[in-house]
Amino acid sequence: MFNNWLLLSIVYFKFLEFILYLNILNYFKKVTGLKTLIYLIDDMEQKWFVYLLECLDGSYYTGVTNDVDKRMNAHTEGKGSKYVYGKGFKKLIAAISCKNKSEACKTEYKIKQLSKKEKLEWFNDGNT
């Protein structure tokens, strides 16, 4: 009889532990959004890059990616961006790594404000 009571108590406490876990999970969904939390953790673990490529007409395109090879393949197939699709992909000129996606996007914005000559100089100087 004592063993049954002990087993029942253990099952009951495990059930309460599970309910507590669900409440904590629900709290994160409401407060921060679990998807957002997971995205932020994934973003911190991934390497992000800002890249400069040359199009067939000689113009430059600056973009952001977490997989340079995959992104260049997409540009080659005409699936990377509307701009490169219209101009045609020629070659990757440079790519630099950034701490996270946010930094990469801010860097991309700064580079897009530069002239063609300044973009080349920026990448050649090894800025981050």
C-alpha atoms as a PDB file:
ATOM      1  CA  MET A   1       0.000   0.000   0.000  1.00  0.00           C
ATOM      2  CA  PHE A   2       2.831   2.359   0.888  1.00  0.00           C
ATOM      3  CA  ASN A   3       4.506   1.723  -2.511  1.00  0.00           C
ATOM      4  CA  ASN A   4       1.316   2.625  -4.360  1.00  0.00           C
ATOM      5  CA  TRP A   5       0.986   5.867  -2.411  1.00  0.00           C
ATOM      6  CA  LEU A   6       4.637   6.728  -3.113  1.00  0.00           C
ATOM      7  CA  LEU A   7       4.240   6.009  -6.822  1.00  0.00           C
ATOM      8  CA  LEU A   8       1.049   8.063  -6.965  1.00  0.00           C
ATOM      9  CA  SER A   9       2.795  10.970  -5.195  1.00  0.00           C
ATOM     10  CA  ILE A  10       5.699  10.884  -7.656  1.00  0.00           C
ATOM     11  CA  VAL A  11       3.335  10.872 -10.633  1.00  0.00           C
ATOM     12  CA  TYR A  12       1.341  13.744  -9.116  1.00  0.00           C
ATOM     13  CA  PHE A  13       4.469  15.879  -8.535  1.00  0.00           C
ATOM     14  CA  LYS A  14       5.734  15.168 -12.055  1.00  0.00           C
ATOM     15  CA  PHE A  15       2.358  16.289 -13.344  1.00  0.00           C
ATOM     16  CA  LEU A  16       2.609  19.532 -11.332  1.00  0.00           C
ATOM     17  CA  GLU A  17       6.137  20.057 -12.646  1.00  0.00           C
ATOM     18  CA  PHE A  18       4.851  19.663 -16.198  1.00  0.00           C
ATOM     19  CA  ILE A  19       2.005  22.157 -15.567  1.00  0.00           C
ATOM     20  CA  LEU A  20       4.537  24.649 -14.175  1.00  0.00           C
ATOM     21  CA  TYR A  21       6.684  24.148 -17.290  1.00  0.00           C
ATOM     22  CA  LEU A  22       3.672  24.864 -19.519  1.00  0.00           C
ATOM     23  CA  ASN A  23       2.882  28.025 -17.544  1.00  0.00           C
ATOM     24  CA  ILE A  24       6.459  29.274 -17.920  1.00  0.00           C
ATOM     25  CA  LEU A  25       6.378  28.476 -21.636  1.00  0.00           C
ATOM     26  CA  ASN A  26       3.071  30.322 -21.995  1.00  0.00           C
ATOM     27  CA  TYR A  27       4.558  33.303 -20.120  1.00  0.00           C
ATOM     28  CA  PHE A  28       7.426  33.559 -22.610  1.00  0.00           C
ATOM     29  CA  LYS A  29       4.990  33.356 -25.509  1.00  0.00           C
ATOM     30  CA  LYS A  30       2.992  36.270 -24.096  1.00  0.00           C
ATOM     31  CA  VAL A  31       5.836  38.494 -22.895  1.00  0.00           C
ATOM     32  CA  THR A  32       8.623  38.093 -25.440  1.00  0.00           C
ATOM     33  CA  GLY A  33       7.229  35.675 -27.946  1.00  0.00           C
ATOM     34  CA  LEU A  34       8.975  32.334 -27.914  1.00  0.00           C
ATOM     35  CA  LYS A  35       9.632  32.554 -31.637  1.00  0.00           C
ATOM     36  CA  THR A  36      11.390  35.879 -31.095  1.00  0.00           C
ATOM     37  CA  LEU A  37      13.469  34.407 -28.282  1.00  0.00           C
ATOM     38  CA  ILE A  38      14.481  31.430 -30.419  1.00  0.00           C
ATOM     39  CA  TYR A  39      15.257  33.741 -33.346  1.00  0.00           C
ATOM     40  CA  LEU A  40      17.513  35.905 -31.162  1.00  0.00           C
ATOM     41  CA  ILE A  41      19.396  32.860 -29.883  1.00  0.00           C
ATOM     42  CA  ASP A  42      19.835  31.512 -33.424  1.00  0.00           C
ATOM     43  CA  ASP A  43      20.951  34.940 -34.638  1.00  0.00           C
ATOM     44  CA  MET A  44      23.670  35.075 -31.976  1.00  0.00           C
ATOM     45  CA  GLU A  45      24.998  31.666 -33.037  1.00  0.00           C
ATOM     46  CA  GLN A  46      25.095  32.371 -36.788  1.00  0.00           C
ATOM     47  CA  LYS A  47      27.753  34.253 -38.704  1.00  0.00           C
ATOM     48  CA  TRP A  48      26.370  37.060 -40.837  1.00  0.00           C
ATOM     49  CA  PHE A  49      28.086  38.650 -43.809  1.00  0.00           C
ATOM     50  CA  VAL A  50      27.847  41.817 -45.853  1.00  0.00           C
ATOM     51  CA  TYR A  51      28.915  41.237 -49.427  1.00  0.00           C
ATOM     52  CA  LEU A  52      29.645  43.292 -52.521  1.00  0.00           C
ATOM     53  CA  LEU A  53      29.083  41.819 -55.954  1.00  0.00           C
ATOM     54  CA  GLU A  54      29.487  43.107 -59.462  1.00  0.00           C
ATOM     55  CA  CYS A  55      26.730  42.880 -62.028  1.00  0.00           C
ATOM     56  CA  LEU A  56      27.186  42.321 -65.776  1.00  0.00           C
ATOM     57  CA  ASP A  57      26.632  46.033 -66.481  1.00  0.00           C
ATOM     58  CA  GLY A  58      29.466  46.983 -64.080  1.00  0.00           C
ATOM     59  CA  SER A  59      27.205  48.186 -61.244  1.00  0.00           C
ATOM     60  CA  TYR A  60      27.666  46.981 -57.677  1.00  0.00           C
ATOM     61  CA  TYR A  61      25.148  45.358 -55.349  1.00  0.00           C
ATOM     62  CA  THR A  62      25.541  45.171 -51.575  1.00  0.00           C
ATOM     63  CA  GLY A  63      23.663  42.534 -49.596  1.00  0.00           C
ATOM     64  CA  VAL A  64      23.466  40.578 -46.341  1.00  0.00           C
ATOM     65  CA  THR A  65      23.504  36.812 -45.863  1.00  0.00           C
ATOM     66  CA  ASN A  66      24.395  34.092 -43.393  1.00  0.00           C
ATOM     67  CA  ASP A  67      25.623  31.759 -46.161  1.00  0.00           C
ATOM     68  CA  VAL A  68      27.695  33.470 -48.865  1.00  0.00           C
ATOM     69  CA  ASP A  69      27.990  30.430 -51.168  1.00  0.00           C
ATOM     70  CA  LYS A  70      24.267  29.721 -51.074  1.00  0.00           C
ATOM     71  CA  ARG A  71      23.476  33.402 -51.701  1.00  0.00           C
ATOM     72  CA  MET A  72      25.875  33.603 -54.672  1.00  0.00           C
ATOM     73  CA  ASN A  73      24.256  30.499 -56.152  1.00  0.00           C
ATOM     74  CA  ALA A  74      20.864  32.170 -55.746  1.00  0.00           C
ATOM     75  CA  HIS A  75      22.141  35.298 -57.525  1.00  0.00           C
ATOM     76  CA  THR A  76      23.614  33.148 -60.310  1.00  0.00           C
ATOM     77  CA  GLU A  77      20.241  31.473 -60.807  1.00  0.00           C
ATOM     78  CA  GLY A  78      18.485  34.863 -60.824  1.00  0.00           C
ATOM     79  CA  LYS A  79      16.748  34.236 -57.498  1.00  0.00           C
ATOM     80  CA  GLY A  80      18.889  36.392 -55.179  1.00  0.00           C
ATOM     81  CA  SER A  81      17.385  39.851 -55.654  1.00  0.00           C
ATOM     82  CA  LYS A  82      15.359  41.794 -58.205  1.00  0.00           C
ATOM     83  CA  TYR A  83      18.248  44.191 -58.812  1.00  0.00           C
ATOM     84  CA  VAL A  84      20.788  41.457 -59.625  1.00  0.00           C
ATOM     85  CA  TYR A  85      18.180  39.518 -61.592  1.00  0.00           C
ATOM     86  CA  GLY A  86      17.685  42.561 -63.818  1.00  0.00           C
ATOM     87  CA  LYS A  87      21.375  43.410 -64.172  1.00  0.00           C
ATOM     88  CA  GLY A  88      22.856  39.905 -64.232  1.00  0.00           C
ATOM     89  CA  PHE A  89      25.375  38.430 -61.799  1.00  0.00           C
ATOM     90  CA  LYS A  90      29.057  38.686 -62.750  1.00  0.00           C
ATOM     91  CA  LYS A  91      31.175  37.977 -59.655  1.00  0.00           C
ATOM     92  CA  LEU A  92      31.531  38.328 -55.914  1.00  0.00           C
ATOM     93  CA  ILE A  93      33.990  41.112 -55.104  1.00  0.00           C
ATOM     94  CA  ALA A  94      34.203  40.896 -51.307  1.00  0.00           C
ATOM     95  CA  ALA A  95      32.452  39.692 -48.164  1.00  0.00           C
ATOM     96  CA  ILE A  96      33.055  40.595 -44.532  1.00  0.00           C
ATOM     97  CA  SER A  97      31.721  38.899 -41.415  1.00  0.00           C
ATOM     98  CA  CYS A  98      29.643  40.684 -38.785  1.00  0.00           C
ATOM     99  CA  LYS A  99      28.697  39.839 -35.193  1.00  0.00           C
ATOM    100  CA  ASN A 100      24.998  39.385 -35.916  1.00  0.00           C
ATOM    101  CA  LYS A 101      22.247  40.173 -38.413  1.00  0.00           C
ATOM    102  CA  SER A 102      21.555  43.582 -36.904  1.00  0.00           C
ATOM    103  CA  GLU A 103      25.167  44.689 -37.320  1.00  0.00           C
ATOM    104  CA  ALA A 104      25.230  43.283 -40.847  1.00  0.00           C
ATOM    105  CA  CYS A 105      22.097  45.227 -41.835  1.00  0.00           C
ATOM    106  CA  LYS A 106      23.448  48.461 -40.362  1.00  0.00           C
ATOM    107  CA  THR A 107      26.738  47.956 -42.199  1.00  0.00           C
ATOM    108  CA  GLU A 108      24.891  47.208 -45.441  1.00  0.00           C
ATOM    109  CA  TYR A 109      22.950  50.462 -45.077  1.00  0.00           C
ATOM    110  CA  LYS A 110      26.159  52.464 -44.543  1.00  0.00           C
ATOM    111  CA  ILE A 111      27.805  50.872 -47.577  1.00  0.00           C
ATOM    112  CA  LYS A 112      24.787  51.532 -49.788  1.00  0.00           C
ATOM    113  CA  GLN A 113      25.202  55.259 -49.049  1.00  0.00           C
ATOM    114  CA  LEU A 114      28.705  55.241 -50.580  1.00  0.00           C
ATOM    115  CA  SER A 115      29.731  55.834 -54.178  1.00  0.00           C
ATOM    116  CA  LYS A 116      31.000  52.957 -56.296  1.00  0.00           C
ATOM    117  CA  LYS A 117      34.627  53.947 -55.706  1.00  0.00           C
ATOM    118  CA  GLU A 118      34.070  54.396 -51.964  1.00  0.00           C
ATOM    119  CA  LYS A 119      32.467  50.952 -51.716  1.00  0.00           C
ATOM    120  CA  LEU A 120      35.570  49.300 -53.148  1.00  0.00           C
ATOM    121  CA  GLU A 121      37.818  51.335 -50.836  1.00  0.00           C
ATOM    122  CA  TRP A 122      35.650  50.448 -47.845  1.00  0.00           C
ATOM    123  CA  PHE A 123      35.979  46.707 -48.471  1.00  0.00           C
ATOM    124  CA  ASN A 124      39.679  46.970 -49.405  1.00  0.00           C
ATOM    125  CA  ASP A 125      40.439  48.822 -46.149  1.00  0.00           C
ATOM    126  CA  GLY A 126      39.028  45.857 -44.202  1.00  0.00           C
ATOM    127  CA  ASN A 127      36.342  47.845 -42.354  1.00  0.00           C
ATOM    128  CA  THR A 128      33.912  46.083 -40.070  1.00  0.00           C
END
